[in-house]
Amino acid sequence: MRSGFADWHRELSPPLDAPEAGWVLARSAHGQGYATEALRRALEWAGQHFGHRRSTCIIDPGNDASVKVARKCGFVPRADAVYKGSRVLVFARGD
């Protein structure tokens, strides 16, 4: 499992305007709450190191599990965007 923040210099339209959170789990770990717990800890870390609480994430529209994790951690839908020719959902938290 991996969770954290990065600037991947994505060619995203519209571009992200805050640090981007990301998470990925092995399929065997799905549905056990690990992603939510890892993202919450990453957000705590970000609050301490970035000096603000605003962050973003992008999610494939068909990834219901990640949408659920994002919502549990306070992210709300902000926009649709295009990344590598495909539609993605842009979520943000903290204003």
Protein backbone atom coordinates (compact mmCIF):
# COMPACT_ATOMS: atom_id res chain seq x y z
CA MET A 1 0.00 0.00 0.00
CA ARG A 2 1.10 3.54 -0.70
CA SER A 3 -0.43 6.82 0.37
CA GLY A 4 0.87 10.36 0.36
CA PHE A 5 1.32 13.58 -1.58
CA ALA A 6 3.22 14.35 -4.74
CA ASP A 7 3.43 16.78 -7.58
CA TRP A 8 3.36 14.60 -10.66
CA HIS A 9 3.35 17.63 -12.99
CA ARG A 10 0.24 16.22 -14.62
CA GLU A 11 -0.99 17.75 -17.83
CA LEU A 12 -4.50 18.11 -16.47
CA SER A 13 -7.16 20.43 -17.75
CA PRO A 14 -8.06 22.34 -15.64
CA PRO A 15 -4.83 22.08 -13.59
CA LEU A 16 -4.82 21.25 -9.89
CA ASP A 17 -4.36 24.19 -7.54
CA ALA A 18 -3.23 22.42 -4.33
CA PRO A 19 -1.10 19.44 -3.24
CA GLU A 20 -2.39 16.16 -4.68
CA ALA A 21 -3.13 13.22 -2.42
CA GLY A 22 -2.91 9.70 -3.74
CA TRP A 23 -3.34 6.15 -2.50
CA VAL A 24 -3.11 2.64 -3.92
CA LEU A 25 -3.61 -0.75 -2.27
CA ALA A 26 -3.04 -4.35 -3.20
CA ARG A 27 -6.33 -5.95 -4.21
CA SER A 28 -6.10 -8.27 -1.20
CA ALA A 29 -6.28 -5.22 1.10
CA HIS A 30 -9.44 -3.74 -0.44
CA GLY A 31 -12.50 -3.27 1.76
CA GLN A 32 -10.67 -3.37 5.09
CA GLY A 33 -10.42 0.36 5.85
CA TYR A 34 -6.69 0.59 5.17
CA ALA A 35 -7.01 3.25 2.47
CA THR A 36 -9.13 5.51 4.67
CA GLU A 37 -6.72 5.14 7.60
CA ALA A 38 -3.66 5.75 5.42
CA LEU A 39 -5.19 8.81 3.77
CA ARG A 40 -6.21 10.28 7.13
CA ARG A 41 -2.62 9.94 8.38
CA ALA A 42 -1.26 11.48 5.16
CA LEU A 43 -3.65 14.42 5.59
CA GLU A 44 -2.48 14.92 9.18
CA TRP A 45 1.12 14.91 7.96
CA ALA A 46 0.25 17.41 5.20
CA GLY A 47 -1.38 19.73 7.72
CA GLN A 48 1.84 19.76 9.72
CA HIS A 49 4.23 20.13 6.77
CA PHE A 50 2.36 22.22 4.21
CA GLY A 51 1.03 24.73 6.70
CA HIS A 52 -2.50 24.57 5.32
CA ARG A 53 -5.26 22.03 5.00
CA ARG A 54 -6.28 22.37 1.33
CA SER A 55 -5.52 19.40 -0.90
CA THR A 56 -6.83 17.74 -4.05
CA CYS A 57 -7.10 14.30 -5.58
CA ILE A 58 -8.18 12.92 -8.93
CA ILE A 59 -10.22 9.75 -9.26
CA ASP A 60 -11.42 7.68 -12.19
CA PRO A 61 -15.22 8.08 -12.37
CA GLY A 62 -15.68 4.29 -12.16
CA ASN A 63 -13.61 3.88 -9.01
CA ASP A 64 -16.44 3.90 -6.46
CA ALA A 65 -14.19 2.64 -3.64
CA SER A 66 -11.77 5.57 -3.99
CA VAL A 67 -14.65 8.04 -4.22
CA LYS A 68 -15.94 6.62 -0.92
CA VAL A 69 -12.50 6.93 0.71
CA ALA A 70 -12.12 10.51 -0.51
CA ARG A 71 -15.53 11.49 0.84
CA LYS A 72 -14.84 9.85 4.22
CA CYS A 73 -11.71 12.00 4.47
CA GLY A 74 -13.50 15.26 3.71
CA PHE A 75 -12.94 15.59 -0.02
CA VAL A 76 -15.84 16.91 -2.09
CA PRO A 77 -16.28 16.90 -5.87
CA ARG A 78 -15.06 20.15 -7.44
CA ALA A 79 -14.83 19.54 -11.17
CA ASP A 80 -14.48 17.12 -14.02
CA ALA A 81 -11.15 17.22 -15.84
CA VAL A 82 -9.37 15.47 -18.67
CA TYR A 83 -6.17 13.54 -18.01
CA LYS A 84 -4.44 11.63 -20.81
CA GLY A 85 -7.61 11.86 -22.87
CA SER A 86 -9.88 10.40 -20.19
CA ARG A 87 -12.37 12.03 -17.86
CA VAL A 88 -11.36 12.18 -14.17
CA LEU A 89 -13.11 13.58 -11.13
CA VAL A 90 -11.31 16.31 -9.21
CA PHE A 91 -11.95 16.37 -5.48
CA ALA A 92 -10.73 18.96 -2.97
CA ARG A 93 -10.80 19.44 0.78
CA GLY A 94 -10.19 22.51 2.88
CA ASP A 95 -10.62 25.97 1.48
